[in-house]
């Protein structure tokens, strides 16, 4: 009797796992197990996402997990939008916003490897419009003690801002300058050059438009628009066919609508078209937040980093360069000044800054399962990726909701669901 029950239970579990595998991009169970995951526990990712869909926190999400370069989870759940019943698909296009920043930093480091600049050089050497930028100190405009350097752009220590704080006079000036509506990169720099620095360059971490400036630097040094540089030097060589500043007309039907958290309704609502950032007809290419991509395309980019700058025989960066980018580049004093601004700083507890990336320095302080040395970045619409060299993991979350008070919870749930499913620890089988 017990044997019969055991056989029935085993058969039922086998059917369940088979169905799960089919729903999960038909990934073979054997591959999941060989990668050191328990297939049934990995389904916790789908459970968490479904819970958030039913709670009205997201309309849908695409989640992807890869280990040792092999997909072990790839799932699309929910609908395109709260008022769009079409089912979300694995190839859905998402606004990745600040997940553009690591790509821009990679582009700059490609030029760095070619000898185009040094990290300690003043930005104004290549963007002369910024040579006379001033610092607002105690209500007076003064010359900064040191010029803004290229390396400071990559670590958000340049003294620049985003204009998010209405009570700060520098941020008020940013708001009035309306940088997001620049017509092109020259117009962006012209507007930025009139704005004061918020603090001495190199003195503190402060999340800012620094990576947008870095994107302009790439344009000036390469002689290409950022759109052309990305396409010819990164996307085409890597086979990233679904990543762009301007969504092609024949792919607009795959472009998910964006949402915002409506506190009065207690659920998400579509962002009105008049308020939405355009992703067609774009002429000002934001290196800090302008790209659209898919989970699979972004996985290719992450795989290139995980493999030390090489993907399927195409080398974008040298492995030592990638290693250097993922080190902690902040002194304790500089980091602590930035950490005091959390969450606006995007400098989470237990995290510091690499070049264009956030780097986990103390997993215990993060408050969620993680690994020392893991690096990541997220986007304003609650997209997220992280790469964990210790566990040889790449994890990606794609959804579209702005201003949600539970954004960190979505990302932390994905971490818990991923790491709890591991059965084997370590970087290789």
Protein backbone atom coordinates (compact mmCIF):
# COMPACT_ATOMS: atom_id res chain seq x y z
CA UNK A 1 0.00 0.00 0.00
CA UNK A 2 2.75 2.39 0.97
CA UNK A 3 4.70 1.51 -2.16
CA UNK A 4 1.61 2.16 -4.28
CA UNK A 5 1.11 5.56 -2.64
CA UNK A 6 4.78 6.34 -3.17
CA UNK A 7 4.50 5.44 -6.86
CA UNK A 8 1.37 7.57 -7.24
CA UNK A 9 3.06 10.48 -5.47
CA UNK A 10 6.16 10.16 -7.65
CA UNK A 11 4.05 10.03 -10.80
CA UNK A 12 2.09 13.10 -9.73
CA UNK A 13 5.28 15.02 -8.95
CA UNK A 14 6.70 13.97 -12.29
CA UNK A 15 3.64 15.34 -14.10
CA UNK A 16 3.79 18.54 -12.06
CA UNK A 17 7.44 19.11 -12.85
CA UNK A 18 6.84 18.34 -16.53
CA UNK A 19 4.03 20.87 -16.66
CA UNK A 20 6.22 23.38 -14.84
CA UNK A 21 9.02 22.80 -17.30
CA UNK A 22 6.66 23.35 -20.25
CA UNK A 23 5.38 26.56 -18.69
CA UNK A 24 8.95 27.55 -18.04
CA UNK A 25 10.14 27.81 -21.64
CA UNK A 26 10.30 23.98 -21.78
CA UNK A 27 13.57 23.83 -19.89
CA UNK A 28 14.50 20.18 -19.23
CA UNK A 29 14.33 19.21 -15.58
CA UNK A 30 17.68 17.48 -15.93
CA UNK A 31 19.34 20.76 -16.90
CA UNK A 32 17.84 22.50 -13.87
CA UNK A 33 19.10 19.77 -11.55
CA UNK A 34 22.55 19.67 -13.15
CA UNK A 35 22.82 23.41 -12.58
CA UNK A 36 22.32 22.84 -8.87
CA UNK A 37 18.67 23.85 -8.51
CA UNK A 38 15.65 21.99 -7.16
CA UNK A 39 13.06 22.34 -9.96
CA UNK A 40 10.07 22.27 -7.62
CA UNK A 41 11.61 24.94 -5.36
CA UNK A 42 12.51 27.12 -8.33
CA UNK A 43 8.77 27.42 -9.01
CA UNK A 44 8.64 29.73 -5.99
CA UNK A 45 9.60 32.50 -8.44
CA UNK A 46 6.34 32.02 -10.35
CA UNK A 47 4.39 31.83 -7.09
CA UNK A 48 5.77 35.16 -5.89
CA UNK A 49 5.07 36.83 -9.23
CA UNK A 50 1.53 35.45 -9.37
CA UNK A 51 0.88 36.73 -5.86
CA UNK A 52 1.94 40.23 -6.93
CA UNK A 53 -0.24 40.06 -10.04
CA UNK A 54 -3.29 39.06 -8.00
CA UNK A 55 -2.54 41.86 -5.51
CA UNK A 56 -2.59 44.42 -8.33
CA UNK A 57 1.07 45.33 -7.85
CA UNK A 58 2.14 44.41 -11.39
CA UNK A 59 0.19 43.52 -14.51
CA UNK A 60 2.80 40.93 -15.42
CA UNK A 61 6.48 40.13 -15.31
CA UNK A 62 9.17 38.21 -17.13
CA UNK A 63 11.75 36.47 -14.94
CA UNK A 64 14.94 34.76 -16.06
CA UNK A 65 17.54 32.76 -14.14
CA UNK A 66 20.69 31.26 -15.67
CA UNK A 67 23.55 29.37 -14.04
CA UNK A 68 26.83 28.32 -15.60
CA UNK A 69 25.56 29.94 -18.81
CA UNK A 70 22.46 27.72 -19.00
CA UNK A 71 18.86 28.87 -18.66
CA UNK A 72 17.16 27.21 -15.70
CA UNK A 73 14.11 29.49 -15.48
CA UNK A 74 12.47 31.69 -18.10
CA UNK A 75 8.86 32.62 -17.48
CA UNK A 76 6.34 35.24 -18.63
CA UNK A 77 3.32 35.76 -16.39
CA UNK A 78 0.32 38.05 -16.40
CA UNK A 79 -0.82 40.57 -19.00
CA UNK A 80 0.68 43.40 -20.99
CA UNK A 81 -1.13 45.97 -18.90
CA UNK A 82 -3.84 46.60 -16.35
CA UNK A 83 -6.15 47.50 -19.23
CA UNK A 84 -4.46 45.31 -21.86
CA UNK A 85 -5.47 41.63 -21.50
CA UNK A 86 -2.91 40.29 -23.96
CA UNK A 87 -0.68 37.72 -22.22
CA UNK A 88 2.87 38.83 -21.53
CA UNK A 89 5.46 36.86 -23.52
CA UNK A 90 9.13 36.07 -23.10
CA UNK A 91 10.00 38.41 -25.99
CA UNK A 92 8.03 41.39 -24.63
CA UNK A 93 9.89 44.71 -24.89
CA UNK A 94 10.41 46.71 -21.70
CA UNK A 95 11.71 50.17 -20.83
CA UNK A 96 14.84 49.35 -18.91
CA UNK A 97 15.59 52.97 -17.92
CA UNK A 98 18.71 52.96 -15.66
CA UNK A 99 19.69 49.45 -16.72
CA UNK A 100 21.05 51.46 -19.67
CA UNK A 101 23.82 52.72 -17.36
CA UNK A 102 25.92 49.51 -17.29
CA UNK A 103 25.79 49.37 -21.10
CA UNK A 104 26.97 52.97 -21.39
CA UNK A 105 29.76 52.28 -18.91
CA UNK A 106 30.83 49.23 -20.92
CA UNK A 107 30.92 51.41 -24.04
CA UNK A 108 33.14 53.93 -22.26
CA UNK A 109 35.44 51.19 -20.96
CA UNK A 110 35.83 49.86 -24.49
CA UNK A 111 37.23 53.25 -25.44
CA UNK A 112 39.31 53.26 -22.25
CA UNK A 113 40.90 49.98 -23.33
CA UNK A 114 41.72 51.62 -26.68
CA UNK A 115 43.62 54.41 -24.91
CA UNK A 116 41.07 57.14 -25.59
CA UNK A 117 41.18 58.54 -22.02
CA UNK A 118 42.31 57.96 -18.44
CA UNK A 119 39.83 57.68 -15.58
CA UNK A 120 41.51 60.50 -13.66
CA UNK A 121 41.29 62.99 -16.52
CA UNK A 122 38.93 65.98 -16.31
CA UNK A 123 35.71 65.47 -18.27
CA UNK A 124 36.12 69.01 -19.62
CA UNK A 125 39.18 67.90 -21.61
CA UNK A 126 36.77 66.18 -23.99
CA UNK A 127 33.57 68.11 -23.23
CA UNK A 128 34.89 71.70 -22.96
CA UNK A 129 31.43 73.15 -22.29
CA UNK A 130 31.81 71.80 -18.72
CA UNK A 131 35.15 73.50 -18.03
CA UNK A 132 33.64 76.46 -16.17
CA UNK A 133 31.06 74.55 -14.13
CA UNK A 134 30.69 75.98 -10.62
CA UNK A 135 29.78 74.66 -7.20
CA UNK A 136 26.99 76.02 -5.01
CA UNK A 137 28.52 76.34 -1.54
CA UNK A 138 26.69 78.11 1.30
CA UNK A 139 24.49 79.94 -1.18
CA UNK A 140 27.40 81.20 -3.31
CA UNK A 141 28.73 79.98 -6.64
CA UNK A 142 32.44 79.13 -6.41
CA UNK A 143 34.96 77.16 -8.41
CA UNK A 144 35.27 73.54 -7.25
CA UNK A 145 38.58 72.54 -5.70
CA UNK A 146 39.04 69.84 -8.32
CA UNK A 147 37.54 69.30 -11.77
CA UNK A 148 35.05 66.53 -12.41
CA UNK A 149 36.85 63.41 -13.64
CA UNK A 150 35.69 60.66 -15.97
CA UNK A 151 36.03 58.07 -13.23
CA UNK A 152 33.73 60.14 -10.99
CA UNK A 153 31.05 59.98 -13.67
CA UNK A 154 31.15 56.18 -13.47
CA UNK A 155 30.84 56.12 -9.67
CA UNK A 156 28.27 58.92 -9.24
CA UNK A 157 30.72 61.01 -7.25
CA UNK A 158 30.97 63.90 -9.73
CA UNK A 159 28.81 66.37 -7.78
CA UNK A 160 25.96 66.17 -10.30
CA UNK A 161 22.32 65.49 -9.42
CA UNK A 162 18.98 64.34 -10.84
CA UNK A 163 16.73 67.16 -9.61
CA UNK A 164 14.58 64.98 -7.38
CA UNK A 165 14.61 67.13 -4.23
CA UNK A 166 12.33 70.19 -4.52
CA UNK A 167 13.77 71.88 -1.41
CA UNK A 168 17.35 71.81 -2.67
CA UNK A 169 18.35 74.87 -4.74
CA UNK A 170 20.56 72.84 -7.09
CA UNK A 171 17.80 70.33 -7.72
CA UNK A 172 15.39 73.20 -8.30
CA UNK A 173 17.73 74.44 -11.02
CA UNK A 174 17.79 70.94 -12.54
CA UNK A 175 14.00 70.91 -12.61
CA UNK A 176 13.91 74.25 -14.40
CA UNK A 177 16.55 73.13 -16.90
CA UNK A 178 14.30 70.19 -17.93
CA UNK A 179 17.21 68.01 -19.08
CA UNK A 180 14.94 65.13 -20.05
CA UNK A 181 13.52 67.19 -22.92
CA UNK A 182 16.90 68.00 -24.51
CA UNK A 183 16.74 67.75 -28.29
CA UNK A 184 20.16 66.11 -28.65
CA UNK A 185 23.37 65.52 -26.70
CA UNK A 186 24.76 68.99 -27.45
CA UNK A 187 21.56 70.57 -26.14
CA UNK A 188 21.77 68.38 -23.03
CA UNK A 189 25.34 69.49 -22.32
CA UNK A 190 24.47 73.14 -22.97
CA UNK A 191 21.67 72.96 -20.40
CA UNK A 192 23.80 71.04 -17.89
CA UNK A 193 26.75 73.44 -18.20
CA UNK A 194 24.58 76.24 -16.74
CA UNK A 195 23.81 74.23 -13.59
CA UNK A 196 25.95 74.24 -10.44
CA UNK A 197 27.46 71.19 -8.81
CA UNK A 198 25.73 70.02 -5.65
CA UNK A 199 28.93 69.08 -3.83
CA UNK A 200 32.70 68.91 -4.33
CA UNK A 201 33.64 66.32 -6.97
CA UNK A 202 34.83 63.11 -5.37
CA UNK A 203 33.57 63.97 -1.88
CA UNK A 204 30.37 61.90 -1.78
CA UNK A 205 28.19 59.48 -3.70
CA UNK A 206 25.05 61.03 -5.17
CA UNK A 207 22.95 59.36 -7.85
CA UNK A 208 22.79 61.63 -10.89
CA UNK A 209 22.84 62.30 -14.62
CA UNK A 210 26.54 61.41 -14.60
CA UNK A 211 26.05 58.43 -16.92
CA UNK A 212 24.24 60.64 -19.41
CA UNK A 213 27.37 62.80 -19.49
CA UNK A 214 29.40 59.61 -19.92
CA UNK A 215 27.24 58.78 -22.93
CA UNK A 216 28.07 62.15 -24.47
CA UNK A 217 31.75 61.43 -23.82
CA UNK A 218 31.41 58.18 -25.77
CA UNK A 219 29.88 60.16 -28.64
CA UNK A 220 32.60 62.82 -28.62
CA UNK A 221 35.46 60.32 -28.50
CA UNK A 222 34.05 57.85 -31.03
CA UNK A 223 32.55 60.31 -33.49
CA UNK A 224 29.34 58.29 -33.43
CA UNK A 225 25.96 58.87 -31.85
CA UNK A 226 25.37 56.67 -28.84
CA UNK A 227 22.70 54.85 -30.83
CA UNK A 228 25.16 53.98 -33.60
CA UNK A 229 27.98 53.08 -31.18
CA UNK A 230 25.77 50.72 -29.20
CA UNK A 231 24.44 49.08 -32.34
CA UNK A 232 27.74 48.64 -34.18
CA UNK A 233 30.11 48.00 -31.27
CA UNK A 234 27.93 46.09 -28.78
CA UNK A 235 24.45 44.98 -29.92
CA UNK A 236 25.21 43.65 -33.40
CA UNK A 237 28.42 41.80 -32.37
CA UNK A 238 26.63 40.17 -29.42
CA UNK A 239 23.46 39.35 -31.36
CA UNK A 240 21.25 41.66 -29.27
CA UNK A 241 18.48 42.23 -31.81
CA UNK A 242 15.84 43.60 -29.44
CA UNK A 243 17.66 46.46 -27.69
CA UNK A 244 17.37 50.03 -28.96
CA UNK A 245 16.60 53.69 -28.17
CA UNK A 246 13.85 53.81 -30.79
CA UNK A 247 11.37 50.94 -30.93
CA UNK A 248 10.99 49.84 -34.58
CA UNK A 249 7.48 50.12 -36.01
CA UNK A 250 7.30 46.37 -36.64
CA UNK A 251 8.05 45.65 -32.96
CA UNK A 252 5.70 48.12 -31.30
CA UNK A 253 3.12 45.38 -30.74
CA UNK A 254 5.63 43.73 -28.35
CA UNK A 255 6.23 46.92 -26.34
CA UNK A 256 4.63 46.68 -22.90
CA UNK A 257 2.77 49.76 -21.58
CA UNK A 258 4.18 51.50 -18.53
CA UNK A 259 2.26 51.94 -15.26
CA UNK A 260 2.40 53.92 -12.04
CA UNK A 261 1.28 53.08 -8.53
CA UNK A 262 -2.07 54.74 -7.83
CA UNK A 263 -2.17 55.07 -4.04
CA UNK A 264 -5.84 56.07 -4.02
CA UNK A 265 -6.88 52.97 -5.94
CA UNK A 266 -4.37 50.77 -4.19
CA UNK A 267 -3.29 49.31 -7.51
CA UNK A 268 -1.40 50.17 -10.67
CA UNK A 269 -2.76 52.29 -13.51
CA UNK A 270 -1.46 53.04 -17.02
CA UNK A 271 0.70 56.14 -17.33
CA UNK A 272 -1.16 58.59 -19.59
CA UNK A 273 0.33 58.73 -23.06
CA UNK A 274 0.93 62.48 -22.74
CA UNK A 275 3.13 61.88 -19.69
CA UNK A 276 4.99 58.85 -21.01
CA UNK A 277 8.58 59.10 -22.19
CA UNK A 278 8.72 58.58 -25.97
CA UNK A 279 10.65 55.65 -27.37
CA UNK A 280 10.06 56.51 -31.02
CA UNK A 281 11.54 59.48 -32.83
CA UNK A 282 14.22 59.83 -30.13
CA UNK A 283 17.14 62.12 -31.04
CA UNK A 284 18.67 62.67 -27.58
CA UNK A 285 20.15 59.32 -26.61
CA UNK A 286 20.17 59.01 -22.84
CA UNK A 287 23.12 56.93 -21.67
CA UNK A 288 21.55 56.99 -18.23
CA UNK A 289 18.12 55.63 -19.04
CA UNK A 290 17.03 55.59 -22.67
CA UNK A 291 17.01 51.95 -23.80
CA UNK A 292 14.32 49.38 -24.45
CA UNK A 293 15.16 45.67 -24.29
CA UNK A 294 13.93 42.14 -23.63
CA UNK A 295 14.90 39.78 -20.84
CA UNK A 296 16.73 37.51 -23.26
CA UNK A 297 18.65 40.34 -24.93
CA UNK A 298 19.74 41.70 -21.58
CA UNK A 299 20.76 38.20 -20.54
CA UNK A 300 23.19 38.17 -23.47
CA UNK A 301 24.73 41.41 -22.18
CA UNK A 302 24.95 39.95 -18.66
CA UNK A 303 26.49 36.76 -19.99
CA UNK A 304 29.19 38.81 -21.66
CA UNK A 305 30.04 40.33 -18.27
CA UNK A 306 29.79 36.99 -16.44
CA UNK A 307 32.20 35.45 -18.93
CA UNK A 308 34.75 38.23 -18.44
CA UNK A 309 33.85 40.39 -21.43
CA UNK A 310 33.43 37.60 -23.99
CA UNK A 311 30.26 36.08 -25.41
CA UNK A 312 30.23 33.21 -27.91
CA UNK A 313 33.63 34.17 -29.25
CA UNK A 314 32.95 37.92 -29.41
CA UNK A 315 35.11 39.89 -27.01
CA UNK A 316 33.76 43.25 -25.88
CA UNK A 317 36.08 43.85 -22.91
CA UNK A 318 39.11 42.18 -21.39
CA UNK A 319 38.48 40.05 -18.27
CA UNK A 320 40.70 42.27 -16.12
CA UNK A 321 38.64 45.28 -17.16
CA UNK A 322 35.41 43.56 -16.07
CA UNK A 323 37.06 42.57 -12.80
CA UNK A 324 38.13 46.18 -12.25
CA UNK A 325 34.61 47.48 -12.96
CA UNK A 326 33.12 45.20 -10.31
CA UNK A 327 35.47 46.24 -7.48
CA UNK A 328 34.41 48.60 -4.69
CA UNK A 329 35.51 52.04 -5.95
CA UNK A 330 34.32 54.13 -2.98
CA UNK A 331 36.21 55.03 0.15
CA UNK A 332 34.24 54.44 3.38
CA UNK A 333 33.74 58.18 3.85
CA UNK A 334 32.43 58.75 0.35
CA UNK A 335 30.19 55.70 0.56
CA UNK A 336 28.74 56.65 3.93
CA UNK A 337 27.82 60.11 2.68
CA UNK A 338 25.86 58.47 -0.12
CA UNK A 339 24.32 55.81 2.07
CA UNK A 340 22.78 58.54 4.22
CA UNK A 341 20.53 59.41 1.25
CA UNK A 342 19.10 55.91 0.84
CA UNK A 343 16.79 55.06 -0.90
CA UNK A 344 17.19 58.00 -3.30
CA UNK A 345 20.91 57.30 -3.55
CA UNK A 346 20.31 53.75 -4.86
CA UNK A 347 23.16 52.82 -2.50
CA UNK A 348 21.64 50.00 -0.51
CA UNK A 349 22.93 48.86 2.89
CA UNK A 350 25.80 46.44 2.37
CA UNK A 351 26.40 47.77 -1.14
CA UNK A 352 29.00 50.05 -2.68
CA UNK A 353 29.70 51.32 -6.18
CA UNK A 354 31.79 49.83 -8.92
CA UNK A 355 32.03 51.43 -12.37
CA UNK A 356 28.44 51.72 -13.60
CA UNK A 357 27.36 48.99 -11.19
CA UNK A 358 26.31 48.42 -7.60
CA UNK A 359 28.52 45.88 -5.81
CA UNK A 360 27.62 43.84 -2.70
CA UNK A 361 30.35 44.31 -0.10
CA UNK A 362 28.59 42.93 3.01
CA UNK A 363 25.76 40.46 2.33
CA UNK A 364 24.66 40.43 5.97
CA UNK A 365 23.92 44.16 5.85
CA UNK A 366 21.73 43.92 2.75
CA UNK A 367 18.89 42.27 4.66
CA UNK A 368 18.32 39.69 1.94
CA UNK A 369 20.14 36.57 0.73
CA UNK A 370 23.04 37.59 -1.48
CA UNK A 371 26.74 36.99 -2.13
CA UNK A 372 29.76 39.21 -1.59
CA UNK A 373 30.94 40.47 -4.94
CA UNK A 374 27.59 40.19 -6.69
CA UNK A 375 26.92 43.21 -8.90
CA UNK A 376 23.71 44.64 -10.26
CA UNK A 377 21.58 47.55 -11.37
CA UNK A 378 17.90 48.33 -11.72
CA UNK A 379 15.56 50.58 -13.67
CA UNK A 380 12.88 53.09 -12.69
CA UNK A 381 10.04 50.83 -13.88
CA UNK A 382 11.20 48.06 -11.50
CA UNK A 383 13.42 46.16 -13.87
CA UNK A 384 16.42 44.53 -12.23
CA UNK A 385 19.42 42.31 -12.94
CA UNK A 386 22.20 40.89 -10.89
CA UNK A 387 25.24 38.74 -11.59
CA UNK A 388 26.63 36.59 -8.80
CA UNK A 389 30.17 35.38 -9.61
CA UNK A 390 30.33 33.27 -6.45
CA UNK A 391 27.31 31.21 -7.54
CA UNK A 392 27.80 31.78 -11.27
CA UNK A 393 24.29 33.23 -11.56
CA UNK A 394 22.53 35.72 -13.80
CA UNK A 395 19.02 36.81 -12.74
CA UNK A 396 16.73 39.27 -14.54
CA UNK A 397 13.35 40.80 -13.69
CA UNK A 398 11.31 42.73 -16.25
CA UNK A 399 8.10 44.55 -15.37
CA UNK A 400 6.72 48.07 -15.89
CA UNK A 401 5.52 50.06 -12.89
CA UNK A 402 6.87 53.44 -11.72
CA UNK A 403 6.92 54.85 -8.23
CA UNK A 404 5.77 51.70 -6.49
CA UNK A 405 6.46 51.74 -2.73
CA UNK A 406 7.01 47.98 -2.89
CA UNK A 407 9.69 48.07 -5.62
CA UNK A 408 12.45 46.78 -3.36
CA UNK A 409 10.17 44.00 -2.11
CA UNK A 410 9.65 42.74 -5.68
CA UNK A 411 13.39 42.49 -6.19
CA UNK A 412 14.09 41.02 -2.77
CA UNK A 413 11.41 38.36 -3.28
CA UNK A 414 13.12 37.33 -6.51
CA UNK A 415 16.42 37.00 -4.65
CA UNK A 416 14.87 34.84 -1.95
CA UNK A 417 13.03 32.67 -4.47
CA UNK A 418 16.20 32.16 -6.52
CA UNK A 419 18.68 31.43 -3.76
CA UNK A 420 16.36 29.18 -1.73
CA UNK A 421 16.12 26.87 -4.75
CA UNK A 422 19.87 26.19 -4.89
CA UNK A 423 20.97 22.70 -3.92
CA UNK A 424 24.66 23.10 -4.74
CA UNK A 425 26.83 26.11 -3.93
CA UNK A 426 29.86 27.28 -5.83
CA UNK A 427 30.83 28.76 -9.20
CA UNK A 428 31.05 25.55 -11.23
CA UNK A 429 29.46 22.09 -11.40
